[in-house]
Amino acid sequence: MERGRRALADIDGHAGEKVVASLADIAPDFATYIIEFPFGDIYSRPGLDLRAREIATIAALTALGNAAPQLKVHIEAGLNVGLSRDEITEVIMQMAVYAGFPAALNGLFAAKEVFADSTAQKEG
């Protein structure tokens, strides 16, 4: 659990905390599962660095085509672990080949929103 909390903070920062907090009143056990399994067990494994893990996650969520809220969290996480906006955009565009243009378009619009929010926070 503690390893998961550290990973969540390092990767998702405030966005991850918001997701966990939003589950407190409906499914606190599910919030625990998110901390323990994906972050405590999977993200903490050796073999891939956090940049590579976020590239894979952004690609997968884009390909799903129906996970915009989660994609936005992981686009922000990608920025947190050192991916550039151009790298994130290229990953999403690559998904047009495998998941179709609608999924890639949805991903690009999610990225555009995250990038705008990120810019506004830096300016504000």
C-alpha atoms as a PDB file:
ATOM      1  CA  MET A   1       0.000   0.000   0.000  1.00  0.00           C
ATOM      2  CA  GLU A   2       2.751   2.445   0.920  1.00  0.00           C
ATOM      3  CA  ARG A   3       4.703   1.656  -2.270  1.00  0.00           C
ATOM      4  CA  GLY A   4       1.488   2.318  -4.218  1.00  0.00           C
ATOM      5  CA  ARG A   5       0.904   5.663  -2.500  1.00  0.00           C
ATOM      6  CA  ARG A   6       4.445   6.772  -3.337  1.00  0.00           C
ATOM      7  CA  ALA A   7       4.106   5.672  -6.961  1.00  0.00           C
ATOM      8  CA  LEU A   8       0.709   7.355  -7.304  1.00  0.00           C
ATOM      9  CA  ALA A   9       2.117  10.610  -5.949  1.00  0.00           C
ATOM     10  CA  ASP A  10       5.202  10.445  -8.193  1.00  0.00           C
ATOM     11  CA  ILE A  11       3.262   9.575 -11.329  1.00  0.00           C
ATOM     12  CA  ASP A  12      -0.148  11.211 -11.123  1.00  0.00           C
ATOM     13  CA  GLY A  13       0.440  13.838  -8.461  1.00  0.00           C
ATOM     14  CA  HIS A  14      -2.669  15.822  -7.605  1.00  0.00           C
ATOM     15  CA  ALA A  15      -4.782  14.163 -10.330  1.00  0.00           C
ATOM     16  CA  GLY A  16      -4.257  10.742  -8.759  1.00  0.00           C
ATOM     17  CA  GLU A  17      -5.196  12.024  -5.333  1.00  0.00           C
ATOM     18  CA  LYS A  18      -8.413  13.468  -6.816  1.00  0.00           C
ATOM     19  CA  VAL A  19      -9.359  10.104  -8.335  1.00  0.00           C
ATOM     20  CA  VAL A  20      -8.806   8.285  -5.046  1.00  0.00           C
ATOM     21  CA  ALA A  21     -10.687  10.954  -3.088  1.00  0.00           C
ATOM     22  CA  SER A  22     -13.607  10.869  -5.520  1.00  0.00           C
ATOM     23  CA  LEU A  23     -14.149   7.197  -4.696  1.00  0.00           C
ATOM     24  CA  ALA A  24     -14.222   7.678  -0.921  1.00  0.00           C
ATOM     25  CA  ASP A  25     -17.974   8.039  -0.628  1.00  0.00           C
ATOM     26  CA  ILE A  26     -18.973   5.332  -3.111  1.00  0.00           C
ATOM     27  CA  ALA A  27     -16.218   2.697  -3.248  1.00  0.00           C
ATOM     28  CA  PRO A  28     -13.334   3.262  -0.833  1.00  0.00           C
ATOM     29  CA  ASP A  29     -12.213  -0.340  -1.286  1.00  0.00           C
ATOM     30  CA  PHE A  30     -11.846   0.282  -5.026  1.00  0.00           C
ATOM     31  CA  ALA A  31      -9.623   3.272  -4.266  1.00  0.00           C
ATOM     32  CA  THR A  32      -7.475   0.933  -2.179  1.00  0.00           C
ATOM     33  CA  TYR A  33      -7.291  -1.541  -5.070  1.00  0.00           C
ATOM     34  CA  ILE A  34      -6.115   1.246  -7.400  1.00  0.00           C
ATOM     35  CA  ILE A  35      -3.344   2.192  -4.999  1.00  0.00           C
ATOM     36  CA  GLU A  36      -2.264  -1.378  -4.273  1.00  0.00           C
ATOM     37  CA  PHE A  37      -2.452  -3.134  -7.651  1.00  0.00           C
ATOM     38  CA  PRO A  38      -1.712  -0.776 -10.540  1.00  0.00           C
ATOM     39  CA  PHE A  39       0.582   1.539  -8.611  1.00  0.00           C
ATOM     40  CA  GLY A  40       1.949  -0.654  -5.826  1.00  0.00           C
ATOM     41  CA  ASP A  41       2.432  -3.796  -7.905  1.00  0.00           C
ATOM     42  CA  ILE A  42       2.571  -2.956 -11.629  1.00  0.00           C
ATOM     43  CA  TYR A  43       3.989   0.574 -11.917  1.00  0.00           C
ATOM     44  CA  SER A  44       6.598  -0.285  -9.277  1.00  0.00           C
ATOM     45  CA  ARG A  45       8.001  -3.263 -11.177  1.00  0.00           C
ATOM     46  CA  PRO A  46      11.472  -3.110 -12.685  1.00  0.00           C
ATOM     47  CA  GLY A  47      11.856  -3.438 -16.432  1.00  0.00           C
ATOM     48  CA  LEU A  48      10.223  -0.249 -17.711  1.00  0.00           C
ATOM     49  CA  ASP A  49      10.787   3.271 -16.554  1.00  0.00           C
ATOM     50  CA  LEU A  50       7.844   5.542 -15.780  1.00  0.00           C
ATOM     51  CA  ARG A  51       8.082   7.308 -19.144  1.00  0.00           C
ATOM     52  CA  ALA A  52       7.691   4.006 -20.996  1.00  0.00           C
ATOM     53  CA  ARG A  53       4.843   2.943 -18.735  1.00  0.00           C
ATOM     54  CA  GLU A  54       2.989   6.192 -19.364  1.00  0.00           C
ATOM     55  CA  ILE A  55       3.529   5.904 -23.132  1.00  0.00           C
ATOM     56  CA  ALA A  56       1.952   2.440 -23.000  1.00  0.00           C
ATOM     57  CA  THR A  57      -0.894   3.664 -20.800  1.00  0.00           C
ATOM     58  CA  ILE A  58      -1.650   6.689 -22.967  1.00  0.00           C
ATOM     59  CA  ALA A  59      -1.647   4.466 -26.055  1.00  0.00           C
ATOM     60  CA  ALA A  60      -3.953   1.892 -24.462  1.00  0.00           C
ATOM     61  CA  LEU A  61      -6.423   4.440 -23.123  1.00  0.00           C
ATOM     62  CA  THR A  62      -6.464   6.225 -26.476  1.00  0.00           C
ATOM     63  CA  ALA A  63      -7.094   2.931 -28.280  1.00  0.00           C
ATOM     64  CA  LEU A  64     -10.012   2.149 -25.989  1.00  0.00           C
ATOM     65  CA  GLY A  65     -11.682   5.283 -27.261  1.00  0.00           C
ATOM     66  CA  ASN A  66     -14.062   5.524 -24.311  1.00  0.00           C
ATOM     67  CA  ALA A  67     -11.826   6.401 -21.380  1.00  0.00           C
ATOM     68  CA  ALA A  68     -11.350  10.171 -21.713  1.00  0.00           C
ATOM     69  CA  PRO A  69     -11.279  10.921 -17.957  1.00  0.00           C
ATOM     70  CA  GLN A  70      -8.604   8.292 -17.348  1.00  0.00           C
ATOM     71  CA  LEU A  71      -6.699   9.342 -20.468  1.00  0.00           C
ATOM     72  CA  LYS A  72      -6.563  12.930 -19.213  1.00  0.00           C
ATOM     73  CA  VAL A  73      -5.155  11.782 -15.874  1.00  0.00           C
ATOM     74  CA  HIS A  74      -2.462   9.789 -17.665  1.00  0.00           C
ATOM     75  CA  ILE A  75      -1.625  12.558 -20.117  1.00  0.00           C
ATOM     76  CA  GLU A  76      -0.987  14.715 -17.053  1.00  0.00           C
ATOM     77  CA  ALA A  77       1.014  11.844 -15.562  1.00  0.00           C
ATOM     78  CA  GLY A  78       3.043  11.641 -18.764  1.00  0.00           C
ATOM     79  CA  LEU A  79       3.918  15.301 -18.393  1.00  0.00           C
ATOM     80  CA  ASN A  80       4.792  14.664 -14.719  1.00  0.00           C
ATOM     81  CA  VAL A  81       7.266  11.901 -15.618  1.00  0.00           C
ATOM     82  CA  GLY A  82       8.983  13.867 -18.364  1.00  0.00           C
ATOM     83  CA  LEU A  83       7.105  13.238 -21.594  1.00  0.00           C
ATOM     84  CA  SER A  84       6.858  16.273 -23.818  1.00  0.00           C
ATOM     85  CA  ARG A  85       3.625  17.483 -25.345  1.00  0.00           C
ATOM     86  CA  ASP A  86       4.998  16.488 -28.755  1.00  0.00           C
ATOM     87  CA  GLU A  87       5.754  12.944 -27.573  1.00  0.00           C
ATOM     88  CA  ILE A  88       2.263  12.557 -26.116  1.00  0.00           C
ATOM     89  CA  THR A  89       0.707  13.909 -29.300  1.00  0.00           C
ATOM     90  CA  GLU A  90       2.740  11.473 -31.423  1.00  0.00           C
ATOM     91  CA  VAL A  91       1.713   8.509 -29.252  1.00  0.00           C
ATOM     92  CA  ILE A  92      -1.941   9.455 -29.651  1.00  0.00           C
ATOM     93  CA  MET A  93      -1.592  10.004 -33.410  1.00  0.00           C
ATOM     94  CA  GLN A  94       0.071   6.587 -33.742  1.00  0.00           C
ATOM     95  CA  MET A  95      -3.121   5.036 -32.374  1.00  0.00           C
ATOM     96  CA  ALA A  96      -5.025   6.141 -35.503  1.00  0.00           C
ATOM     97  CA  VAL A  97      -3.280   3.266 -37.292  1.00  0.00           C
ATOM     98  CA  TYR A  98      -4.384   0.633 -34.774  1.00  0.00           C
ATOM     99  CA  ALA A  99      -7.529   2.020 -33.139  1.00  0.00           C
ATOM    100  CA  GLY A 100      -8.907   4.286 -35.863  1.00  0.00           C
ATOM    101  CA  PHE A 101      -9.245   7.973 -36.446  1.00  0.00           C
ATOM    102  CA  PRO A 102     -12.162   8.507 -34.039  1.00  0.00           C
ATOM    103  CA  ALA A 103     -10.166   7.113 -31.110  1.00  0.00           C
ATOM    104  CA  ALA A 104      -7.124   9.190 -32.056  1.00  0.00           C
ATOM    105  CA  LEU A 105      -9.257  12.319 -32.463  1.00  0.00           C
ATOM    106  CA  ASN A 106     -10.826  11.788 -29.050  1.00  0.00           C
ATOM    107  CA  GLY A 107      -7.339  11.335 -27.606  1.00  0.00           C
ATOM    108  CA  LEU A 108      -6.030  14.472 -29.266  1.00  0.00           C
ATOM    109  CA  PHE A 109      -8.947  16.518 -27.937  1.00  0.00           C
ATOM    110  CA  ALA A 110      -8.279  15.126 -24.435  1.00  0.00           C
ATOM    111  CA  ALA A 111      -4.607  16.085 -24.778  1.00  0.00           C
ATOM    112  CA  LYS A 112      -5.529  19.552 -26.013  1.00  0.00           C
ATOM    113  CA  GLU A 113      -7.652  20.063 -22.904  1.00  0.00           C
ATOM    114  CA  VAL A 114      -4.904  18.828 -20.543  1.00  0.00           C
ATOM    115  CA  PHE A 115      -2.278  20.963 -22.277  1.00  0.00           C
ATOM    116  CA  ALA A 116      -4.518  24.056 -22.016  1.00  0.00           C
ATOM    117  CA  ASP A 117      -5.157  23.392 -18.312  1.00  0.00           C
ATOM    118  CA  SER A 118      -1.421  22.885 -17.757  1.00  0.00           C
ATOM    119  CA  THR A 119      -0.601  26.169 -19.482  1.00  0.00           C
ATOM    120  CA  ALA A 120      -3.291  28.025 -17.534  1.00  0.00           C
ATOM    121  CA  GLN A 121      -1.935  26.677 -14.229  1.00  0.00           C
ATOM    122  CA  LYS A 122       1.590  27.814 -15.102  1.00  0.00           C
ATOM    123  CA  GLU A 123       0.349  31.270 -16.057  1.00  0.00           C
ATOM    124  CA  GLY A 124      -2.029  31.588 -13.096  1.00  0.00           C
END
